[in-house]
Amino acid sequence: MREGLIPTVLGTAVTASGAALRNKYPMAAAAVVGFGLAHVVLGAIDLVEHRNKMF
């Protein structure tokens, strides 16, 4: 499995969860979305950094 794929997928799920919470808990939703987006960015960096090392 490619390195960085798990944090990217996890971050996507967390970001979607935070977006679903934005009407009921706006401050908590902002924190959850930020946490999820950080995982997406870090996972994407890993994916790009290691893409040439797979072959």
C-alpha atoms as a PDB file:
ATOM      1  CA  MET A   1       0.000   0.000   0.000  1.00  0.00           C
ATOM      2  CA  ARG A   2       1.290   3.437  -0.835  1.00  0.00           C
ATOM      3  CA  GLU A   3       2.631   5.480   2.043  1.00  0.00           C
ATOM      4  CA  GLY A   4       0.381   8.440   2.803  1.00  0.00           C
ATOM      5  CA  LEU A   5      -2.818   6.842   1.545  1.00  0.00           C
ATOM      6  CA  ILE A   6      -4.204   6.046   4.996  1.00  0.00           C
ATOM      7  CA  PRO A   7      -3.786   9.597   6.401  1.00  0.00           C
ATOM      8  CA  THR A   8      -5.324  11.047   3.245  1.00  0.00           C
ATOM      9  CA  VAL A   9      -8.395   8.799   3.397  1.00  0.00           C
ATOM     10  CA  LEU A  10      -8.733   9.288   7.160  1.00  0.00           C
ATOM     11  CA  GLY A  11      -8.454  13.055   6.731  1.00  0.00           C
ATOM     12  CA  THR A  12     -11.162  13.008   4.083  1.00  0.00           C
ATOM     13  CA  ALA A  13     -13.509  11.134   6.417  1.00  0.00           C
ATOM     14  CA  VAL A  14     -12.777  13.473   9.326  1.00  0.00           C
ATOM     15  CA  THR A  15     -13.281  16.546   7.138  1.00  0.00           C
ATOM     16  CA  ALA A  16     -16.643  15.215   5.976  1.00  0.00           C
ATOM     17  CA  SER A  17     -17.656  14.554   9.584  1.00  0.00           C
ATOM     18  CA  GLY A  18     -16.733  18.092  10.545  1.00  0.00           C
ATOM     19  CA  ALA A  19     -18.716  19.501   7.647  1.00  0.00           C
ATOM     20  CA  ALA A  20     -21.744  17.523   8.808  1.00  0.00           C
ATOM     21  CA  LEU A  21     -21.461  19.080  12.280  1.00  0.00           C
ATOM     22  CA  ARG A  22     -21.203  22.699  11.181  1.00  0.00           C
ATOM     23  CA  ASN A  23     -24.881  23.621  11.773  1.00  0.00           C
ATOM     24  CA  LYS A  24     -25.137  22.187  15.282  1.00  0.00           C
ATOM     25  CA  TYR A  25     -21.629  22.808  16.671  1.00  0.00           C
ATOM     26  CA  PRO A  26     -19.898  25.453  14.528  1.00  0.00           C
ATOM     27  CA  MET A  27     -16.753  25.880  16.669  1.00  0.00           C
ATOM     28  CA  ALA A  28     -16.180  22.146  17.100  1.00  0.00           C
ATOM     29  CA  ALA A  29     -16.868  21.620  13.404  1.00  0.00           C
ATOM     30  CA  ALA A  30     -14.193  24.150  12.478  1.00  0.00           C
ATOM     31  CA  ALA A  31     -11.665  22.329  14.642  1.00  0.00           C
ATOM     32  CA  VAL A  32     -12.589  18.922  13.211  1.00  0.00           C
ATOM     33  CA  VAL A  33     -12.441  20.214   9.633  1.00  0.00           C
ATOM     34  CA  GLY A  34      -9.031  21.775  10.289  1.00  0.00           C
ATOM     35  CA  PHE A  35      -7.739  18.540  11.795  1.00  0.00           C
ATOM     36  CA  GLY A  36      -9.043  16.576   8.817  1.00  0.00           C
ATOM     37  CA  LEU A  37      -7.573  18.956   6.273  1.00  0.00           C
ATOM     38  CA  ALA A  38      -4.201  18.775   8.007  1.00  0.00           C
ATOM     39  CA  HIS A  39      -4.260  14.991   7.580  1.00  0.00           C
ATOM     40  CA  VAL A  40      -5.215  15.330   3.928  1.00  0.00           C
ATOM     41  CA  VAL A  41      -2.340  17.727   3.287  1.00  0.00           C
ATOM     42  CA  LEU A  42       0.226  15.634   5.156  1.00  0.00           C
ATOM     43  CA  GLY A  43      -0.942  12.443   3.458  1.00  0.00           C
ATOM     44  CA  ALA A  44      -0.795  14.115   0.062  1.00  0.00           C
ATOM     45  CA  ILE A  45       2.750  15.270   0.768  1.00  0.00           C
ATOM     46  CA  ASP A  46       3.722  11.679   1.577  1.00  0.00           C
ATOM     47  CA  LEU A  47       2.051  10.417  -1.584  1.00  0.00           C
ATOM     48  CA  VAL A  48       3.879  12.929  -3.781  1.00  0.00           C
ATOM     49  CA  GLU A  49       7.199  12.511  -1.979  1.00  0.00           C
ATOM     50  CA  HIS A  50       7.229   8.729  -2.335  1.00  0.00           C
ATOM     51  CA  ARG A  51       5.635   8.353  -5.758  1.00  0.00           C
ATOM     52  CA  ASN A  52       8.955   7.761  -7.562  1.00  0.00           C
ATOM     53  CA  LYS A  53      10.290   5.388  -4.921  1.00  0.00           C
ATOM     54  CA  MET A  54       7.658   2.760  -5.687  1.00  0.00           C
ATOM     55  CA  PHE A  55       9.263   1.722  -8.990  1.00  0.00           C
END
